[in-house]
Amino acid sequence: QPLCTKSVQATVGSFVENVNQTAADGVYVTFNSPVASQYKESDFSIKSGEATVLVKKVKYSEDGKTAYITTATNFIDGRKYTVYGVRLDRHFLRRI
């Protein structure tokens, strides 16, 4: 039997739950909580190796938990990309 038990409550900030590419120049990024008021276009970047894909536009869902990121150029087939933001990142493989 344990000598002592203690409960600890921790607050976890926003993080990316999923990235889903739906177009040659766009991805949906789903967060664990609403972030629409926290992040704008300049807070995101998408990279593949040393190459950076320019983020052209970010549009949020009504609940603020999903961002649709449109890029200035198309993703290259078969490349691994990483979506970066302030305090977050997530990988996806170009498949469209």
Protein backbone atom coordinates (compact mmCIF):
# COMPACT_ATOMS: atom_id res chain seq x y z
CA GLN A 1 0.00 0.00 0.00
CA PRO A 2 1.21 3.51 -0.73
CA LEU A 3 2.29 5.59 2.21
CA CYS A 4 0.88 8.74 0.69
CA THR A 5 -1.25 9.74 -2.27
CA LYS A 6 -1.57 13.19 -3.74
CA SER A 7 -3.53 14.58 -6.66
CA VAL A 8 -1.96 17.16 -8.93
CA GLN A 9 -3.91 19.23 -11.43
CA ALA A 10 -1.95 20.49 -14.44
CA THR A 11 -3.06 22.89 -17.14
CA VAL A 12 -1.95 21.99 -20.64
CA GLY A 13 -1.81 24.75 -23.24
CA SER A 14 -3.03 24.54 -26.80
CA PHE A 15 -1.60 21.80 -28.96
CA VAL A 16 -2.19 20.36 -32.41
CA GLU A 17 -4.31 17.22 -32.43
CA ASN A 18 -4.31 16.61 -36.17
CA VAL A 19 -3.17 17.93 -39.56
CA ASN A 20 -5.18 16.88 -42.60
CA GLN A 21 -4.21 17.92 -46.12
CA THR A 22 -7.31 18.42 -48.25
CA ALA A 23 -5.92 20.33 -51.23
CA ALA A 24 -2.61 20.75 -53.07
CA ASP A 25 -2.23 24.12 -51.35
CA GLY A 26 -4.07 23.72 -48.05
CA VAL A 27 -4.28 21.86 -44.76
CA TYR A 28 -6.68 21.70 -41.86
CA VAL A 29 -4.99 21.99 -38.47
CA THR A 30 -7.13 20.85 -35.52
CA PHE A 31 -6.27 22.03 -32.01
CA ASN A 32 -7.32 20.69 -28.60
CA SER A 33 -8.93 24.02 -27.68
CA PRO A 34 -10.05 27.25 -29.41
CA VAL A 35 -7.04 29.23 -30.66
CA ALA A 36 -8.56 31.62 -33.21
CA SER A 37 -7.83 34.64 -31.02
CA GLN A 38 -4.25 33.46 -30.33
CA TYR A 39 -2.77 32.73 -33.77
CA LYS A 40 -2.68 34.68 -37.06
CA GLU A 41 -0.99 33.99 -40.42
CA SER A 42 2.44 35.18 -39.28
CA ASP A 43 2.38 32.74 -36.33
CA PHE A 44 2.40 29.71 -38.67
CA SER A 45 5.03 28.29 -40.96
CA ILE A 46 5.21 25.08 -42.97
CA LYS A 47 8.56 23.49 -43.78
CA SER A 48 9.99 20.53 -45.63
CA GLY A 49 13.65 20.18 -44.80
CA GLU A 50 15.18 23.61 -45.32
CA ALA A 51 12.41 24.78 -47.66
CA THR A 52 9.67 26.98 -46.21
CA VAL A 53 6.19 27.11 -47.75
CA LEU A 54 4.64 30.57 -47.50
CA VAL A 55 1.40 30.71 -45.51
CA LYS A 56 -1.00 32.84 -47.54
CA LYS A 57 -4.16 32.74 -45.42
CA VAL A 58 -5.57 31.22 -42.23
CA LYS A 59 -9.32 30.80 -41.75
CA TYR A 60 -10.77 29.43 -38.50
CA SER A 61 -13.83 27.29 -37.92
CA GLU A 62 -16.72 28.76 -35.97
CA ASP A 63 -15.60 27.08 -32.73
CA GLY A 64 -12.00 28.34 -33.23
CA LYS A 65 -10.48 24.86 -32.88
CA THR A 66 -9.72 24.22 -36.56
CA ALA A 67 -7.63 26.41 -38.85
CA TYR A 68 -7.59 26.02 -42.63
CA ILE A 69 -4.17 27.14 -43.81
CA THR A 70 -3.83 28.09 -47.48
CA THR A 71 -0.31 28.25 -48.90
CA ALA A 72 1.07 30.41 -51.71
CA THR A 73 2.34 27.34 -53.59
CA ASN A 74 1.37 23.69 -53.91
CA PHE A 75 2.92 20.98 -51.77
CA ILE A 76 5.27 18.57 -53.58
CA ASP A 77 4.05 14.98 -53.70
CA GLY A 78 5.73 12.52 -51.32
CA ARG A 79 7.49 15.15 -49.20
CA LYS A 80 7.19 15.27 -45.44
CA TYR A 81 6.06 18.68 -44.15
CA THR A 82 5.89 20.10 -40.66
CA VAL A 83 3.41 22.76 -39.57
CA TYR A 84 5.04 25.11 -37.07
CA GLY A 85 3.40 27.68 -34.88
CA VAL A 86 4.03 29.44 -31.63
CA ARG A 87 4.61 26.58 -29.14
CA LEU A 88 3.38 23.85 -31.49
CA ASP A 89 4.34 21.64 -34.42
CA ARG A 90 2.95 18.66 -36.29
CA HIS A 91 4.13 16.56 -39.28
CA PHE A 92 2.16 15.43 -42.33
CA LEU A 93 3.02 13.67 -45.61
CA ARG A 94 1.84 15.29 -48.84
CA ARG A 95 -0.68 12.86 -50.39
CA ILE A 96 -2.92 14.72 -52.82
